[in-house]
Amino acid sequence: MDPITILHLITDPTRYRILELLMERHYCVRAVSKKLGISEPAVSQQMNLLKKAGVITGTKMGYHMHYLVNIDLVKETINQFAQEFAVKSNIEAEATERICEYECDKKH
């Protein structure tokens, strides 16, 4: 999955809060639901999105799935974004030297 899609997923406020919890330790949907005060179906839906993207992984423990953050994927995504941003920043720096074609100082 491309870095922009993953960044979009992890920056959603609810999913971000879920990830903060899962960075501390593994949790099941019920525990995340209770800790965040969000319904289990809502948490499950958000976690399924994260799981499909590979951002979290699940392990069956007893009757429940417990989830952890795939920290390697998150780090890789952030690094890719930072590299792309650095390249685009260099391009933009060169572009600021060029003059805009639109004449902003003229009244229309």
N, C-alpha and C. Protein backbone atom coordinates (compact mmCIF):
# COMPACT_ATOMS: atom_id res chain seq x y z
N MET A 1 0.85 -1.18 0.00
CA MET A 1 0.00 0.00 0.00
C MET A 1 0.90 1.24 0.00
N ASP A 2 0.48 2.26 -0.71
CA ASP A 2 1.32 3.44 -0.84
C ASP A 2 1.34 4.26 0.46
N PRO A 3 2.43 5.00 0.69
CA PRO A 3 2.60 5.75 1.94
C PRO A 3 1.48 6.75 2.23
N ILE A 4 0.94 7.40 1.21
CA ILE A 4 -0.10 8.40 1.43
C ILE A 4 -1.36 7.74 2.00
N THR A 5 -1.72 6.58 1.46
CA THR A 5 -2.90 5.87 1.96
C THR A 5 -2.70 5.45 3.41
N ILE A 6 -1.52 4.94 3.72
CA ILE A 6 -1.25 4.53 5.11
C ILE A 6 -1.24 5.74 6.03
N LEU A 7 -0.62 6.83 5.61
CA LEU A 7 -0.62 8.03 6.44
C LEU A 7 -2.04 8.54 6.66
N HIS A 8 -2.86 8.47 5.64
CA HIS A 8 -4.26 8.87 5.78
C HIS A 8 -4.96 7.99 6.82
N LEU A 9 -4.69 6.70 6.77
CA LEU A 9 -5.30 5.78 7.74
C LEU A 9 -4.87 6.08 9.17
N ILE A 10 -3.58 6.29 9.37
CA ILE A 10 -3.09 6.42 10.75
C ILE A 10 -3.28 7.81 11.33
N THR A 11 -3.62 8.78 10.50
CA THR A 11 -3.83 10.13 11.05
C THR A 11 -5.28 10.43 11.37
N ASP A 12 -6.18 9.51 11.07
CA ASP A 12 -7.57 9.66 11.52
C ASP A 12 -7.55 9.69 13.05
N PRO A 13 -8.23 10.64 13.69
CA PRO A 13 -8.15 10.76 15.16
C PRO A 13 -8.48 9.49 15.94
N THR A 14 -9.51 8.78 15.54
CA THR A 14 -9.89 7.55 16.25
C THR A 14 -8.84 6.47 16.05
N ARG A 15 -8.42 6.27 14.82
CA ARG A 15 -7.41 5.25 14.56
C ARG A 15 -6.08 5.61 15.22
N TYR A 16 -5.77 6.90 15.27
CA TYR A 16 -4.54 7.34 15.94
C TYR A 16 -4.58 6.98 17.43
N ARG A 17 -5.73 7.20 18.06
CA ARG A 17 -5.88 6.86 19.48
C ARG A 17 -5.75 5.35 19.69
N ILE A 18 -6.30 4.58 18.77
CA ILE A 18 -6.17 3.12 18.85
C ILE A 18 -4.70 2.73 18.74
N LEU A 19 -4.00 3.33 17.80
CA LEU A 19 -2.58 3.02 17.62
C LEU A 19 -1.76 3.40 18.84
N GLU A 20 -2.10 4.53 19.47
CA GLU A 20 -1.39 4.92 20.69
C GLU A 20 -1.50 3.83 21.75
N LEU A 21 -2.70 3.29 21.92
CA LEU A 21 -2.88 2.20 22.89
C LEU A 21 -2.08 0.96 22.50
N LEU A 22 -2.16 0.61 21.22
CA LEU A 22 -1.49 -0.61 20.76
C LEU A 22 0.03 -0.48 20.76
N MET A 23 0.53 0.74 20.84
CA MET A 23 1.98 0.93 20.95
C MET A 23 2.45 0.58 22.36
N GLU A 24 1.55 0.70 23.33
CA GLU A 24 1.90 0.38 24.72
C GLU A 24 1.99 -1.12 24.93
N ARG A 25 1.01 -1.87 24.37
CA ARG A 25 0.93 -3.32 24.54
C ARG A 25 -0.15 -3.85 23.63
N HIS A 26 -0.30 -5.16 23.57
CA HIS A 26 -1.37 -5.72 22.74
C HIS A 26 -2.70 -5.64 23.49
N TYR A 27 -3.75 -5.41 22.73
CA TYR A 27 -5.10 -5.33 23.29
C TYR A 27 -6.07 -6.03 22.35
N CYS A 28 -7.19 -6.50 22.92
CA CYS A 28 -8.29 -7.00 22.11
C CYS A 28 -9.25 -5.84 21.85
N VAL A 29 -10.21 -6.06 20.96
CA VAL A 29 -11.17 -5.02 20.60
C VAL A 29 -11.94 -4.54 21.82
N ARG A 30 -12.35 -5.48 22.67
CA ARG A 30 -13.13 -5.11 23.87
C ARG A 30 -12.34 -4.17 24.77
N ALA A 31 -11.06 -4.47 24.99
CA ALA A 31 -10.23 -3.62 25.86
C ALA A 31 -10.05 -2.22 25.26
N VAL A 32 -9.81 -2.17 23.95
CA VAL A 32 -9.66 -0.87 23.28
C VAL A 32 -10.96 -0.08 23.40
N SER A 33 -12.07 -0.77 23.20
CA SER A 33 -13.38 -0.13 23.30
C SER A 33 -13.59 0.50 24.67
N LYS A 34 -13.29 -0.24 25.71
CA LYS A 34 -13.47 0.26 27.08
C LYS A 34 -12.52 1.41 27.38
N LYS A 35 -11.27 1.28 26.96
CA LYS A 35 -10.28 2.32 27.25
C LYS A 35 -10.61 3.64 26.53
N LEU A 36 -11.16 3.55 25.32
CA LEU A 36 -11.43 4.76 24.54
C LEU A 36 -12.87 5.24 24.65
N GLY A 37 -13.72 4.42 25.26
CA GLY A 37 -15.13 4.81 25.38
C GLY A 37 -15.85 4.83 24.05
N ILE A 38 -15.49 3.91 23.18
CA ILE A 38 -16.08 3.79 21.85
C ILE A 38 -16.71 2.39 21.76
N SER A 39 -17.80 2.26 21.03
CA SER A 39 -18.46 0.96 20.91
C SER A 39 -17.53 -0.08 20.27
N GLU A 40 -17.73 -1.34 20.64
CA GLU A 40 -16.92 -2.41 20.08
C GLU A 40 -17.04 -2.50 18.56
N PRO A 41 -18.26 -2.39 17.99
CA PRO A 41 -18.35 -2.43 16.53
C PRO A 41 -17.56 -1.30 15.85
N ALA A 42 -17.58 -0.11 16.44
CA ALA A 42 -16.83 1.02 15.87
C ALA A 42 -15.33 0.75 15.93
N VAL A 43 -14.86 0.24 17.06
CA VAL A 43 -13.44 -0.08 17.20
C VAL A 43 -13.06 -1.18 16.22
N SER A 44 -13.89 -2.20 16.13
CA SER A 44 -13.63 -3.31 15.23
C SER A 44 -13.52 -2.84 13.78
N GLN A 45 -14.41 -1.95 13.39
CA GLN A 45 -14.39 -1.42 12.02
C GLN A 45 -13.08 -0.67 11.75
N GLN A 46 -12.67 0.17 12.69
CA GLN A 46 -11.43 0.94 12.53
C GLN A 46 -10.21 0.01 12.51
N MET A 47 -10.23 -0.99 13.38
CA MET A 47 -9.09 -1.91 13.44
C MET A 47 -9.02 -2.78 12.20
N ASN A 48 -10.15 -3.12 11.60
CA ASN A 48 -10.14 -3.89 10.35
C ASN A 48 -9.48 -3.10 9.23
N LEU A 49 -9.73 -1.80 9.18
CA LEU A 49 -9.06 -0.96 8.17
C LEU A 49 -7.55 -0.99 8.38
N LEU A 50 -7.13 -0.85 9.63
CA LEU A 50 -5.70 -0.87 9.95
C LEU A 50 -5.08 -2.23 9.64
N LYS A 51 -5.83 -3.28 9.93
CA LYS A 51 -5.33 -4.64 9.69
C LYS A 51 -5.19 -4.90 8.19
N LYS A 52 -6.18 -4.51 7.39
CA LYS A 52 -6.11 -4.71 5.93
C LYS A 52 -4.91 -3.99 5.32
N ALA A 53 -4.56 -2.85 5.89
CA ALA A 53 -3.41 -2.09 5.40
C ALA A 53 -2.09 -2.63 5.92
N GLY A 54 -2.15 -3.56 6.88
CA GLY A 54 -0.93 -4.12 7.45
C GLY A 54 -0.35 -3.30 8.58
N VAL A 55 -1.07 -2.27 9.02
CA VAL A 55 -0.57 -1.38 10.07
C VAL A 55 -0.60 -2.08 11.43
N ILE A 56 -1.58 -2.98 11.63
CA ILE A 56 -1.62 -3.78 12.85
C ILE A 56 -1.71 -5.25 12.46
N THR A 57 -1.29 -6.10 13.37
CA THR A 57 -1.40 -7.54 13.18
C THR A 57 -2.12 -8.13 14.38
N GLY A 58 -2.81 -9.25 14.15
CA GLY A 58 -3.57 -9.88 15.21
C GLY A 58 -3.07 -11.27 15.53
N THR A 59 -3.16 -11.63 16.80
CA THR A 59 -2.80 -12.96 17.27
C THR A 59 -3.93 -13.47 18.15
N LYS A 60 -4.37 -14.69 17.90
CA LYS A 60 -5.45 -15.28 18.69
C LYS A 60 -4.90 -15.67 20.05
N MET A 61 -5.56 -15.18 21.11
CA MET A 61 -5.21 -15.53 22.49
C MET A 61 -6.50 -15.94 23.19
N GLY A 62 -6.67 -17.23 23.39
CA GLY A 62 -7.92 -17.70 23.97
C GLY A 62 -9.05 -17.47 22.99
N TYR A 63 -10.09 -16.78 23.44
CA TYR A 63 -11.25 -16.51 22.59
C TYR A 63 -11.13 -15.21 21.80
N HIS A 64 -10.12 -14.42 22.09
CA HIS A 64 -10.03 -13.08 21.51
C HIS A 64 -8.78 -12.91 20.65
N MET A 65 -8.92 -12.00 19.67
CA MET A 65 -7.76 -11.58 18.88
C MET A 65 -7.13 -10.39 19.61
N HIS A 66 -5.84 -10.44 19.76
CA HIS A 66 -5.09 -9.33 20.35
C HIS A 66 -4.24 -8.72 19.25
N TYR A 67 -4.18 -7.40 19.25
CA TYR A 67 -3.55 -6.68 18.15
C TYR A 67 -2.32 -5.90 18.61
N LEU A 68 -1.35 -5.81 17.71
CA LEU A 68 -0.12 -5.03 17.91
C LEU A 68 0.13 -4.17 16.68
N VAL A 69 0.86 -3.09 16.87
CA VAL A 69 1.24 -2.22 15.75
C VAL A 69 2.40 -2.86 15.00
N ASN A 70 2.32 -2.85 13.69
CA ASN A 70 3.42 -3.28 12.83
C ASN A 70 4.36 -2.08 12.71
N ILE A 71 5.20 -1.92 13.71
CA ILE A 71 6.04 -0.72 13.82
C ILE A 71 6.99 -0.59 12.63
N ASP A 72 7.43 -1.72 12.07
CA ASP A 72 8.33 -1.65 10.91
C ASP A 72 7.64 -0.99 9.72
N LEU A 73 6.38 -1.33 9.48
CA LEU A 73 5.63 -0.72 8.37
C LEU A 73 5.41 0.77 8.62
N VAL A 74 5.08 1.12 9.85
CA VAL A 74 4.85 2.53 10.18
C VAL A 74 6.13 3.33 9.98
N LYS A 75 7.25 2.81 10.46
CA LYS A 75 8.54 3.50 10.28
C LYS A 75 8.89 3.64 8.80
N GLU A 76 8.71 2.55 8.05
CA GLU A 76 9.02 2.56 6.62
C GLU A 76 8.16 3.59 5.89
N THR A 77 6.89 3.65 6.24
CA THR A 77 5.97 4.61 5.61
C THR A 77 6.40 6.04 5.90
N ILE A 78 6.73 6.32 7.15
CA ILE A 78 7.16 7.67 7.53
C ILE A 78 8.46 8.03 6.82
N ASN A 79 9.39 7.08 6.73
CA ASN A 79 10.65 7.33 6.03
C ASN A 79 10.44 7.60 4.55
N GLN A 80 9.55 6.80 3.91
CA GLN A 80 9.26 7.03 2.49
C GLN A 80 8.66 8.41 2.28
N PHE A 81 7.73 8.78 3.14
CA PHE A 81 7.09 10.09 3.02
C PHE A 81 8.13 11.19 3.20
N ALA A 82 9.00 11.04 4.19
CA ALA A 82 10.03 12.05 4.44
C ALA A 82 10.96 12.19 3.24
N GLN A 83 11.33 11.07 2.62
CA GLN A 83 12.20 11.13 1.45
C GLN A 83 11.50 11.82 0.28
N GLU A 84 10.24 11.46 0.04
CA GLU A 84 9.49 12.10 -1.04
C GLU A 84 9.32 13.59 -0.78
N PHE A 85 9.06 13.93 0.46
CA PHE A 85 8.88 15.33 0.84
C PHE A 85 10.17 16.11 0.62
N ALA A 86 11.31 15.50 0.96
CA ALA A 86 12.60 16.16 0.78
C ALA A 86 12.86 16.43 -0.70
N VAL A 87 12.56 15.45 -1.54
CA VAL A 87 12.76 15.61 -2.99
C VAL A 87 11.86 16.73 -3.51
N LYS A 88 10.59 16.71 -3.11
CA LYS A 88 9.65 17.73 -3.57
C LYS A 88 10.01 19.11 -3.02
N SER A 89 10.58 19.16 -1.83
CA SER A 89 11.01 20.44 -1.27
C SER A 89 12.12 21.05 -2.11
N ASN A 90 13.03 20.21 -2.59
CA ASN A 90 14.10 20.71 -3.47
C ASN A 90 13.54 21.24 -4.77
N ILE A 91 12.56 20.53 -5.32
CA ILE A 91 11.93 20.98 -6.56
C ILE A 91 11.21 22.31 -6.34
N GLU A 92 10.51 22.43 -5.22
CA GLU A 92 9.80 23.67 -4.91
C GLU A 92 10.76 24.82 -4.69
N ALA A 93 11.92 24.54 -4.09
CA ALA A 93 12.90 25.60 -3.87
C ALA A 93 13.38 26.15 -5.21
N GLU A 94 13.58 25.26 -6.18
CA GLU A 94 13.98 25.71 -7.51
C GLU A 94 12.84 26.47 -8.18
N ALA A 95 11.62 26.04 -7.93
CA ALA A 95 10.45 26.67 -8.57
C ALA A 95 10.21 28.08 -8.06
N THR A 96 10.60 28.37 -6.84
CA THR A 96 10.38 29.72 -6.30
C THR A 96 11.21 30.76 -7.03
N GLU A 97 12.24 30.30 -7.71
CA GLU A 97 13.07 31.22 -8.47
C GLU A 97 12.40 31.62 -9.79
N ARG A 98 11.43 30.82 -10.24
CA ARG A 98 10.71 31.12 -11.47
C ARG A 98 9.56 32.07 -11.16
N ILE A 99 9.25 32.91 -12.10
CA ILE A 99 8.18 33.89 -11.91
C ILE A 99 6.86 33.29 -12.38
N CYS A 100 5.83 33.56 -11.63
CA CYS A 100 4.48 33.11 -11.96
C CYS A 100 4.03 33.78 -13.26
N GLU A 101 3.30 33.04 -14.08
CA GLU A 101 2.80 33.59 -15.34
C GLU A 101 1.65 34.56 -15.12
N TYR A 102 0.95 34.43 -14.05
CA TYR A 102 -0.20 35.27 -13.77
C TYR A 102 0.28 36.60 -13.20
N GLU A 103 -0.25 37.68 -13.70
CA GLU A 103 0.19 38.99 -13.25
C GLU A 103 -0.69 39.44 -12.09
N CYS A 104 -0.22 39.22 -10.89
CA CYS A 104 -1.01 39.48 -9.68
C CYS A 104 -1.19 40.96 -9.39
N ASP A 105 -0.29 41.78 -9.87
CA ASP A 105 -0.37 43.20 -9.53
C ASP A 105 -1.36 43.98 -10.40
N LYS A 106 -1.90 43.35 -11.44
CA LYS A 106 -2.86 44.04 -12.31
C LYS A 106 -4.28 43.81 -11.80
N LYS A 107 -5.10 44.87 -11.91
CA LYS A 107 -6.52 44.74 -11.56
C LYS A 107 -7.26 44.12 -12.73
N HIS A 108 -8.28 43.35 -12.42
CA HIS A 108 -9.05 42.68 -13.47
C HIS A 108 -10.43 43.22 -13.56
